Amino acid sequence: PMKVLVLTLFIVAYASTTFCASAKKSLRIENGKCHYHGHVLNDGETHSNQCPCERWTCNVKESAIITEGCTPYDASFQGYDIPYPWCCGYVYK
């Protein structure tokens, strides 16, 4: 049982690190704009997505995309035909 717990924690940690690293690699800041997953956002501009059900905000100063999404409880209820936040029930930051 303890080996299974340790293995599960390792897999979760690895997956989280891999996902975060790939998300960071996909962001480019050029000429004061965020280039992220095929979208170009001005500093402070937001983009609401349908799939994934998220809203992205460009923060050039921090070289970051601020991501808002559904709670883990809403993941199975996402409606992919409407943009965030209406594609999920409850919203968190």
PDB file of N, CA and C in Angstrom:
ATOM      1  N   PRO A   1       0.814  -1.209   0.000  1.00  0.00           N
ATOM      2  CA  PRO A   1       0.000   0.000   0.000  1.00  0.00           C
ATOM      3  C   PRO A   1       0.856   1.272   0.000  1.00  0.00           C
ATOM      4  N   MET A   2       1.949   1.291   0.775  1.00  0.00           N
ATOM      5  CA  MET A   2       2.791   2.483   0.834  1.00  0.00           C
ATOM      6  C   MET A   2       3.502   2.713  -0.497  1.00  0.00           C
ATOM      7  N   LYS A   3       3.930   1.636  -1.147  1.00  0.00           N
ATOM      8  CA  LYS A   3       4.592   1.760  -2.444  1.00  0.00           C
ATOM      9  C   LYS A   3       3.637   2.337  -3.484  1.00  0.00           C
ATOM     10  N   VAL A   4       2.391   1.935  -3.422  1.00  0.00           N
ATOM     11  CA  VAL A   4       1.391   2.447  -4.366  1.00  0.00           C
ATOM     12  C   VAL A   4       1.180   3.937  -4.141  1.00  0.00           C
ATOM     13  N   LEU A   5       1.107   4.357  -2.875  1.00  0.00           N
ATOM     14  CA  LEU A   5       0.932   5.771  -2.553  1.00  0.00           C
ATOM     15  C   LEU A   5       2.113   6.595  -3.054  1.00  0.00           C
ATOM     16  N   VAL A   6       3.322   6.127  -2.790  1.00  0.00           N
ATOM     17  CA  VAL A   6       4.525   6.841  -3.234  1.00  0.00           C
ATOM     18  C   VAL A   6       4.568   6.911  -4.757  1.00  0.00           C
ATOM     19  N   LEU A   7       4.270   5.817  -5.421  1.00  0.00           N
ATOM     20  CA  LEU A   7       4.262   5.797  -6.883  1.00  0.00           C
ATOM     21  C   LEU A   7       3.209   6.752  -7.437  1.00  0.00           C
ATOM     22  N   THR A   8       2.037   6.760  -6.839  1.00  0.00           N
ATOM     23  CA  THR A   8       0.968   7.665  -7.280  1.00  0.00           C
ATOM     24  C   THR A   8       1.386   9.118  -7.110  1.00  0.00           C
ATOM     25  N   LEU A   9       1.967   9.460  -5.970  1.00  0.00           N
ATOM     26  CA  LEU A   9       2.429  10.830  -5.741  1.00  0.00           C
ATOM     27  C   LEU A   9       3.512  11.223  -6.742  1.00  0.00           C
ATOM     28  N   PHE A  10       4.416  10.306  -7.042  1.00  0.00           N
ATOM     29  CA  PHE A  10       5.461  10.579  -8.020  1.00  0.00           C
ATOM     30  C   PHE A  10       4.863  10.852  -9.400  1.00  0.00           C
ATOM     31  N   ILE A  11       3.911  10.036  -9.805  1.00  0.00           N
ATOM     32  CA  ILE A  11       3.277  10.210 -11.121  1.00  0.00           C
ATOM     33  C   ILE A  11       2.551  11.546 -11.195  1.00  0.00           C
ATOM     34  N   VAL A  12       1.829  11.906 -10.145  1.00  0.00           N
ATOM     35  CA  VAL A  12       1.111  13.185 -10.126  1.00  0.00           C
ATOM     36  C   VAL A  12       2.097  14.347 -10.188  1.00  0.00           C
ATOM     37  N   ALA A  13       3.171  14.280  -9.409  1.00  0.00           N
ATOM     38  CA  ALA A  13       4.172  15.349  -9.420  1.00  0.00           C
ATOM     39  C   ALA A  13       4.827  15.475 -10.789  1.00  0.00           C
ATOM     40  N   TYR A  14       5.163  14.357 -11.402  1.00  0.00           N
ATOM     41  CA  TYR A  14       5.785  14.376 -12.731  1.00  0.00           C
ATOM     42  C   TYR A  14       4.838  14.961 -13.772  1.00  0.00           C
ATOM     43  N   ALA A  15       3.582  14.534 -13.737  1.00  0.00           N
ATOM     44  CA  ALA A  15       2.603  15.034 -14.706  1.00  0.00           C
ATOM     45  C   ALA A  15       2.390  16.527 -14.532  1.00  0.00           C
ATOM     46  N   SER A  16       2.313  17.001 -13.299  1.00  0.00           N
ATOM     47  CA  SER A  16       2.130  18.430 -13.044  1.00  0.00           C
ATOM     48  C   SER A  16       3.314  19.229 -13.555  1.00  0.00           C
ATOM     49  N   THR A  17       4.517  18.747 -13.291  1.00  0.00           N
ATOM     50  CA  THR A  17       5.721  19.436 -13.757  1.00  0.00           C
ATOM     51  C   THR A  17       5.777  19.458 -15.274  1.00  0.00           C
ATOM     52  N   THR A  18       5.475  18.358 -15.905  1.00  0.00           N
ATOM     53  CA  THR A  18       5.497  18.282 -17.364  1.00  0.00           C
ATOM     54  C   THR A  18       4.467  19.208 -17.969  1.00  0.00           C
ATOM     55  N   PHE A  19       3.247  19.221 -17.433  1.00  0.00           N
ATOM     56  CA  PHE A  19       2.190  20.081 -17.958  1.00  0.00           C
ATOM     57  C   PHE A  19       2.566  21.544 -17.806  1.00  0.00           C
ATOM     58  N   CYS A  20       3.051  21.932 -16.619  1.00  0.00           N
ATOM     59  CA  CYS A  20       3.411  23.331 -16.391  1.00  0.00           C
ATOM     60  C   CYS A  20       4.569  23.750 -17.287  1.00  0.00           C
ATOM     61  N   ALA A  21       5.529  22.879 -17.484  1.00  0.00           N
ATOM     62  CA  ALA A  21       6.665  23.205 -18.344  1.00  0.00           C
ATOM     63  C   ALA A  21       6.213  23.400 -19.781  1.00  0.00           C
ATOM     64  N   SER A  22       5.309  22.553 -20.260  1.00  0.00           N
ATOM     65  CA  SER A  22       4.853  22.707 -21.643  1.00  0.00           C
ATOM     66  C   SER A  22       4.007  23.957 -21.801  1.00  0.00           C
ATOM     67  N   ALA A  23       3.233  24.324 -20.773  1.00  0.00           N
ATOM     68  CA  ALA A  23       2.436  25.550 -20.844  1.00  0.00           C
ATOM     69  C   ALA A  23       3.359  26.761 -20.886  1.00  0.00           C
ATOM     70  N   LYS A  24       4.428  26.758 -20.092  1.00  0.00           N
ATOM     71  CA  LYS A  24       5.373  27.868 -20.067  1.00  0.00           C
ATOM     72  C   LYS A  24       6.091  27.987 -21.406  1.00  0.00           C
ATOM     73  N   LYS A  25       6.477  26.858 -22.009  1.00  0.00           N
ATOM     74  CA  LYS A  25       7.182  26.886 -23.283  1.00  0.00           C
ATOM     75  C   LYS A  25       6.313  27.446 -24.401  1.00  0.00           C
ATOM     76  N   SER A  26       5.005  27.293 -24.301  1.00  0.00           N
ATOM     77  CA  SER A  26       4.139  27.746 -25.384  1.00  0.00           C
ATOM     78  C   SER A  26       3.935  29.255 -25.366  1.00  0.00           C
ATOM     79  N   LEU A  27       4.316  29.946 -24.302  1.00  0.00           N
ATOM     80  CA  LEU A  27       4.165  31.398 -24.208  1.00  0.00           C
ATOM     81  C   LEU A  27       5.410  32.091 -24.743  1.00  0.00           C
ATOM     82  N   ARG A  28       5.189  33.024 -25.670  1.00  0.00           N
ATOM     83  CA  ARG A  28       6.260  33.891 -26.162  1.00  0.00           C
ATOM     84  C   ARG A  28       5.808  35.330 -25.975  1.00  0.00           C
ATOM     85  N   ILE A  29       6.720  36.189 -25.527  1.00  0.00           N
ATOM     86  CA  ILE A  29       6.451  37.619 -25.430  1.00  0.00           C
ATOM     87  C   ILE A  29       7.246  38.288 -26.542  1.00  0.00           C
ATOM     88  N   GLU A  30       6.541  38.941 -27.461  1.00  0.00           N
ATOM     89  CA  GLU A  30       7.189  39.650 -28.565  1.00  0.00           C
ATOM     90  C   GLU A  30       6.495  40.983 -28.775  1.00  0.00           C
ATOM     91  N   ASN A  31       7.289  42.043 -28.863  1.00  0.00           N
ATOM     92  CA  ASN A  31       6.766  43.382 -29.135  1.00  0.00           C
ATOM     93  C   ASN A  31       5.631  43.762 -28.188  1.00  0.00           C
ATOM     94  N   GLY A  32       5.777  43.429 -26.909  1.00  0.00           N
ATOM     95  CA  GLY A  32       4.779  43.800 -25.910  1.00  0.00           C
ATOM     96  C   GLY A  32       3.479  43.030 -26.001  1.00  0.00           C
ATOM     97  N   LYS A  33       3.508  41.850 -26.635  1.00  0.00           N
ATOM     98  CA  LYS A  33       2.306  41.030 -26.778  1.00  0.00           C
ATOM     99  C   LYS A  33       2.606  39.599 -26.369  1.00  0.00           C
ATOM    100  N   CYS A  34       1.570  38.920 -25.867  1.00  0.00           N
ATOM    101  CA  CYS A  34       1.679  37.502 -25.516  1.00  0.00           C
ATOM    102  C   CYS A  34       1.237  36.662 -26.705  1.00  0.00           C
ATOM    103  N   HIS A  35       2.068  35.737 -27.103  1.00  0.00           N
ATOM    104  CA  HIS A  35       1.731  34.763 -28.142  1.00  0.00           C
ATOM    105  C   HIS A  35       1.554  33.439 -27.413  1.00  0.00           C
ATOM    106  N   TYR A  36       0.316  32.932 -27.396  1.00  0.00           N
ATOM    107  CA  TYR A  36       0.004  31.766 -26.574  1.00  0.00           C
ATOM    108  C   TYR A  36      -0.989  30.867 -27.286  1.00  0.00           C
ATOM    109  N   HIS A  37      -0.598  29.648 -27.564  1.00  0.00           N
ATOM    110  CA  HIS A  37      -1.458  28.646 -28.207  1.00  0.00           C
ATOM    111  C   HIS A  37      -2.167  29.193 -29.445  1.00  0.00           C
ATOM    112  N   GLY A  38      -1.421  29.889 -30.291  1.00  0.00           N
ATOM    113  CA  GLY A  38      -1.984  30.383 -31.542  1.00  0.00           C
ATOM    114  C   GLY A  38      -2.748  31.687 -31.431  1.00  0.00           C
ATOM    115  N   HIS A  39      -2.797  32.292 -30.259  1.00  0.00           N
ATOM    116  CA  HIS A  39      -3.489  33.565 -30.058  1.00  0.00           C
ATOM    117  C   HIS A  39      -2.464  34.641 -29.737  1.00  0.00           C
ATOM    118  N   VAL A  40      -2.751  35.874 -30.147  1.00  0.00           N
ATOM    119  CA  VAL A  40      -1.900  37.013 -29.831  1.00  0.00           C
ATOM    120  C   VAL A  40      -2.731  37.976 -28.988  1.00  0.00           C
ATOM    121  N   LEU A  41      -2.246  38.245 -27.765  1.00  0.00           N
ATOM    122  CA  LEU A  41      -2.962  39.111 -26.833  1.00  0.00           C
ATOM    123  C   LEU A  41      -2.100  40.309 -26.472  1.00  0.00           C
ATOM    124  N   ASN A  42      -2.710  41.481 -26.447  1.00  0.00           N
ATOM    125  CA  ASN A  42      -2.033  42.670 -25.952  1.00  0.00           C
ATOM    126  C   ASN A  42      -1.908  42.577 -24.438  1.00  0.00           C
ATOM    127  N   ASP A  43      -0.991  43.351 -23.858  1.00  0.00           N
ATOM    128  CA  ASP A  43      -0.820  43.361 -22.410  1.00  0.00           C
ATOM    129  C   ASP A  43      -2.138  43.736 -21.736  1.00  0.00           C
ATOM    130  N   GLY A  44      -2.597  42.914 -20.801  1.00  0.00           N
ATOM    131  CA  GLY A  44      -3.850  43.156 -20.088  1.00  0.00           C
ATOM    132  C   GLY A  44      -5.087  42.630 -20.790  1.00  0.00           C
ATOM    133  N   GLU A  45      -4.942  42.201 -22.019  1.00  0.00           N
ATOM    134  CA  GLU A  45      -6.089  41.681 -22.786  1.00  0.00           C
ATOM    135  C   GLU A  45      -6.429  40.262 -22.339  1.00  0.00           C
ATOM    136  N   THR A  46      -7.723  39.935 -22.394  1.00  0.00           N
ATOM    137  CA  THR A  46      -8.165  38.589 -22.046  1.00  0.00           C
ATOM    138  C   THR A  46      -8.757  37.893 -23.259  1.00  0.00           C
ATOM    139  N   HIS A  47      -8.706  36.573 -23.207  1.00  0.00           N
ATOM    140  CA  HIS A  47      -9.317  35.741 -24.248  1.00  0.00           C
ATOM    141  C   HIS A  47     -10.068  34.617 -23.553  1.00  0.00           C
ATOM    142  N   SER A  48     -11.373  34.506 -23.831  1.00  0.00           N
ATOM    143  CA  SER A  48     -12.189  33.437 -23.252  1.00  0.00           C
ATOM    144  C   SER A  48     -12.293  32.295 -24.244  1.00  0.00           C
ATOM    145  N   ASN A  49     -11.972  31.105 -23.775  1.00  0.00           N
ATOM    146  CA  ASN A  49     -11.977  29.904 -24.611  1.00  0.00           C
ATOM    147  C   ASN A  49     -13.207  29.056 -24.347  1.00  0.00           C
ATOM    148  N   GLN A  50     -13.465  28.182 -25.300  1.00  0.00           N
ATOM    149  CA  GLN A  50     -14.508  27.179 -25.136  1.00  0.00           C
ATOM    150  C   GLN A  50     -13.883  25.839 -24.754  1.00  0.00           C
ATOM    151  N   CYS A  51     -12.825  25.489 -25.425  1.00  0.00           N
ATOM    152  CA  CYS A  51     -12.152  24.219 -25.167  1.00  0.00           C
ATOM    153  C   CYS A  51     -10.645  24.439 -25.279  1.00  0.00           C
ATOM    154  N   PRO A  52      -9.910  24.474 -24.195  1.00  0.00           N
ATOM    155  CA  PRO A  52     -10.378  24.212 -22.842  1.00  0.00           C
ATOM    156  C   PRO A  52     -11.184  25.386 -22.300  1.00  0.00           C
ATOM    157  N   CYS A  53     -12.029  25.095 -21.345  1.00  0.00           N
ATOM    158  CA  CYS A  53     -12.895  26.114 -20.747  1.00  0.00           C
ATOM    159  C   CYS A  53     -12.049  26.964 -19.800  1.00  0.00           C
ATOM    160  N   GLU A  54     -11.396  27.994 -20.360  1.00  0.00           N
ATOM    161  CA  GLU A  54     -10.485  28.853 -19.598  1.00  0.00           C
ATOM    162  C   GLU A  54     -10.544  30.276 -20.133  1.00  0.00           C
ATOM    163  N   ARG A  55     -10.077  31.206 -19.288  1.00  0.00           N
ATOM    164  CA  ARG A  55      -9.861  32.583 -19.735  1.00  0.00           C
ATOM    165  C   ARG A  55      -8.396  32.899 -19.482  1.00  0.00           C
ATOM    166  N   TRP A  56      -7.732  33.452 -20.500  1.00  0.00           N
ATOM    167  CA  TRP A  56      -6.324  33.817 -20.403  1.00  0.00           C
ATOM    168  C   TRP A  56      -6.206  35.328 -20.381  1.00  0.00           C
ATOM    169  N   THR A  57      -5.327  35.846 -19.530  1.00  0.00           N
ATOM    170  CA  THR A  57      -5.024  37.271 -19.482  1.00  0.00           C
ATOM    171  C   THR A  57      -3.522  37.430 -19.660  1.00  0.00           C
ATOM    172  N   CYS A  58      -3.140  38.277 -20.599  1.00  0.00           N
ATOM    173  CA  CYS A  58      -1.725  38.526 -20.895  1.00  0.00           C
ATOM    174  C   CYS A  58      -1.132  39.476 -19.857  1.00  0.00           C
ATOM    175  N   ASN A  59       0.019  39.107 -19.290  1.00  0.00           N
ATOM    176  CA  ASN A  59       0.754  39.960 -18.366  1.00  0.00           C
ATOM    177  C   ASN A  59       2.195  40.026 -18.858  1.00  0.00           C
ATOM    178  N   VAL A  60       2.480  41.042 -19.665  1.00  0.00           N
ATOM    179  CA  VAL A  60       3.801  41.173 -20.284  1.00  0.00           C
ATOM    180  C   VAL A  60       4.879  41.417 -19.238  1.00  0.00           C
ATOM    181  N   LYS A  61       4.603  42.268 -18.246  1.00  0.00           N
ATOM    182  CA  LYS A  61       5.601  42.604 -17.229  1.00  0.00           C
ATOM    183  C   LYS A  61       6.107  41.356 -16.504  1.00  0.00           C
ATOM    184  N   GLU A  62       5.210  40.431 -16.208  1.00  0.00           N
ATOM    185  CA  GLU A  62       5.581  39.195 -15.515  1.00  0.00           C
ATOM    186  C   GLU A  62       5.926  38.061 -16.482  1.00  0.00           C
ATOM    187  N   SER A  63       5.840  38.324 -17.791  1.00  0.00           N
ATOM    188  CA  SER A  63       6.039  37.285 -18.812  1.00  0.00           C
ATOM    189  C   SER A  63       5.177  36.067 -18.498  1.00  0.00           C
ATOM    190  N   ALA A  64       3.879  36.337 -18.319  1.00  0.00           N
ATOM    191  CA  ALA A  64       2.980  35.268 -17.882  1.00  0.00           C
ATOM    192  C   ALA A  64       1.606  35.391 -18.526  1.00  0.00           C
ATOM    193  N   ILE A  65       0.932  34.270 -18.577  1.00  0.00           N
ATOM    194  CA  ILE A  65      -0.488  34.203 -18.924  1.00  0.00           C
ATOM    195  C   ILE A  65      -1.206  33.815 -17.637  1.00  0.00           C
ATOM    196  N   ILE A  66      -2.141  34.652 -17.209  1.00  0.00           N
ATOM    197  CA  ILE A  66      -2.959  34.339 -16.039  1.00  0.00           C
ATOM    198  C   ILE A  66      -4.123  33.489 -16.541  1.00  0.00           C
ATOM    199  N   THR A  67      -4.262  32.297 -16.001  1.00  0.00           N
ATOM    200  CA  THR A  67      -5.284  31.364 -16.463  1.00  0.00           C
ATOM    201  C   THR A  67      -6.355  31.187 -15.397  1.00  0.00           C
ATOM    202  N   GLU A  68      -7.607  31.362 -15.796  1.00  0.00           N
ATOM    203  CA  GLU A  68      -8.750  31.087 -14.929  1.00  0.00           C
ATOM    204  C   GLU A  68      -9.506  29.933 -15.553  1.00  0.00           C
ATOM    205  N   GLY A  69     -10.017  29.039 -14.723  1.00  0.00           N
ATOM    206  CA  GLY A  69     -10.727  27.889 -15.257  1.00  0.00           C
ATOM    207  C   GLY A  69     -11.787  27.364 -14.323  1.00  0.00           C
ATOM    208  N   CYS A  70     -12.374  26.258 -14.718  1.00  0.00           N
ATOM    209  CA  CYS A  70     -13.428  25.614 -13.934  1.00  0.00           C
ATOM    210  C   CYS A  70     -12.825  24.928 -12.714  1.00  0.00           C
ATOM    211  N   THR A  71     -13.651  24.744 -11.695  1.00  0.00           N
ATOM    212  CA  THR A  71     -13.209  23.971 -10.541  1.00  0.00           C
ATOM    213  C   THR A  71     -13.084  22.510 -10.966  1.00  0.00           C
ATOM    214  N   PRO A  72     -12.307  21.723 -10.241  1.00  0.00           N
ATOM    215  CA  PRO A  72     -12.202  20.302 -10.591  1.00  0.00           C
ATOM    216  C   PRO A  72     -13.558  19.600 -10.586  1.00  0.00           C
ATOM    217  N   TYR A  73     -14.481  20.078  -9.768  1.00  0.00           N
ATOM    218  CA  TYR A  73     -15.805  19.459  -9.685  1.00  0.00           C
ATOM    219  C   TYR A  73     -16.629  19.693 -10.944  1.00  0.00           C
ATOM    220  N   ASP A  74     -16.330  20.766 -11.679  1.00  0.00           N
ATOM    221  CA  ASP A  74     -17.093  21.097 -12.881  1.00  0.00           C
ATOM    222  C   ASP A  74     -16.512  20.495 -14.144  1.00  0.00           C
ATOM    223  N   ALA A  75     -15.386  19.829 -14.053  1.00  0.00           N
ATOM    224  CA  ALA A  75     -14.687  19.354 -15.248  1.00  0.00           C
ATOM    225  C   ALA A  75     -15.570  18.483 -16.134  1.00  0.00           C
ATOM    226  N   SER A  76     -16.429  17.678 -15.551  1.00  0.00           N
ATOM    227  CA  SER A  76     -17.255  16.790 -16.370  1.00  0.00           C
ATOM    228  C   SER A  76     -18.489  17.485 -16.925  1.00  0.00           C
ATOM    229  N   PHE A  77     -18.725  18.734 -16.519  1.00  0.00           N
ATOM    230  CA  PHE A  77     -19.923  19.441 -16.959  1.00  0.00           C
ATOM    231  C   PHE A  77     -19.616  20.568 -17.937  1.00  0.00           C
ATOM    232  N   GLN A  78     -18.418  20.610 -18.484  1.00  0.00           N
ATOM    233  CA  GLN A  78     -18.045  21.695 -19.382  1.00  0.00           C
ATOM    234  C   GLN A  78     -18.842  21.620 -20.674  1.00  0.00           C
ATOM    235  N   GLY A  79     -19.397  22.777 -21.067  1.00  0.00           N
ATOM    236  CA  GLY A  79     -20.098  22.873 -22.342  1.00  0.00           C
ATOM    237  C   GLY A  79     -19.163  23.495 -23.356  1.00  0.00           C
ATOM    238  N   TYR A  80     -18.758  22.756 -24.355  1.00  0.00           N
ATOM    239  CA  TYR A  80     -17.727  23.217 -25.274  1.00  0.00           C
ATOM    240  C   TYR A  80     -18.241  24.142 -26.359  1.00  0.00           C
ATOM    241  N   ASP A  81     -19.534  24.431 -26.388  1.00  0.00           N
ATOM    242  CA  ASP A  81     -20.045  25.311 -27.429  1.00  0.00           C
ATOM    243  C   ASP A  81     -20.220  26.744 -26.949  1.00  0.00           C
ATOM    244  N   ILE A  82     -19.890  27.034 -25.689  1.00  0.00           N
ATOM    245  CA  ILE A  82     -19.983  28.391 -25.158  1.00  0.00           C
ATOM    246  C   ILE A  82     -18.675  28.742 -24.454  1.00  0.00           C
ATOM    247  N   PRO A  83     -18.272  30.028 -24.454  1.00  0.00           N
ATOM    248  CA  PRO A  83     -16.980  30.408 -23.879  1.00  0.00           C
ATOM    249  C   PRO A  83     -17.003  30.465 -22.350  1.00  0.00           C
ATOM    250  N   TYR A  84     -15.803  30.497 -21.790  1.00  0.00           N
ATOM    251  CA  TYR A  84     -15.615  30.657 -20.354  1.00  0.00           C
ATOM    252  C   TYR A  84     -16.228  31.979 -19.912  1.00  0.00           C
ATOM    253  N   PRO A  85     -16.870  32.072 -18.770  1.00  0.00           N
ATOM    254  CA  PRO A  85     -17.025  31.069 -17.720  1.00  0.00           C
ATOM    255  C   PRO A  85     -18.310  30.252 -17.834  1.00  0.00           C
ATOM    256  N   TRP A  86     -19.094  30.481 -18.858  1.00  0.00           N
ATOM    257  CA  TRP A  86     -20.391  29.815 -18.973  1.00  0.00           C
ATOM    258  C   TRP A  86     -20.271  28.334 -19.334  1.00  0.00           C
ATOM    259  N   CYS A  87     -19.090  27.908 -19.756  1.00  0.00           N
ATOM    260  CA  CYS A  87     -18.912  26.494 -20.094  1.00  0.00           C
ATOM    261  C   CYS A  87     -18.668  25.633 -18.856  1.00  0.00           C
ATOM    262  N   CYS A  88     -18.633  26.235 -17.671  1.00  0.00           N
ATOM    263  CA  CYS A  88     -18.535  25.460 -16.432  1.00  0.00           C
ATOM    264  C   CYS A  88     -19.442  26.096 -15.384  1.00  0.00           C
ATOM    265  N   GLY A  89     -19.785  25.321 -14.367  1.00  0.00           N
ATOM    266  CA  GLY A  89     -20.727  25.804 -13.364  1.00  0.00           C
ATOM    267  C   GLY A  89     -20.129  26.806 -12.398  1.00  0.00           C
ATOM    268  N   TYR A  90     -19.048  26.427 -11.718  1.00  0.00           N
ATOM    269  CA  TYR A  90     -18.417  27.290 -10.728  1.00  0.00           C
ATOM    270  C   TYR A  90     -17.042  27.692 -11.231  1.00  0.00           C
ATOM    271  N   VAL A  91     -16.625  28.901 -10.890  1.00  0.00           N
ATOM    272  CA  VAL A  91     -15.371  29.445 -11.406  1.00  0.00           C
ATOM    273  C   VAL A  91     -14.403  29.680 -10.254  1.00  0.00           C
ATOM    274  N   TYR A  92     -13.115  29.388 -10.486  1.00  0.00           N
ATOM    275  CA  TYR A  92     -12.085  29.696  -9.500  1.00  0.00           C
ATOM    276  C   TYR A  92     -10.912  30.354 -10.195  1.00  0.00           C
ATOM    277  N   LYS A  93     -10.064  31.026  -9.416  1.00  0.00           N
ATOM    278  CA  LYS A  93      -8.848  31.638  -9.952  1.00  0.00           C
ATOM    279  C   LYS A  93      -7.648  30.998  -9.303  1.00  0.00           C
TER     280      LYS A  93
END
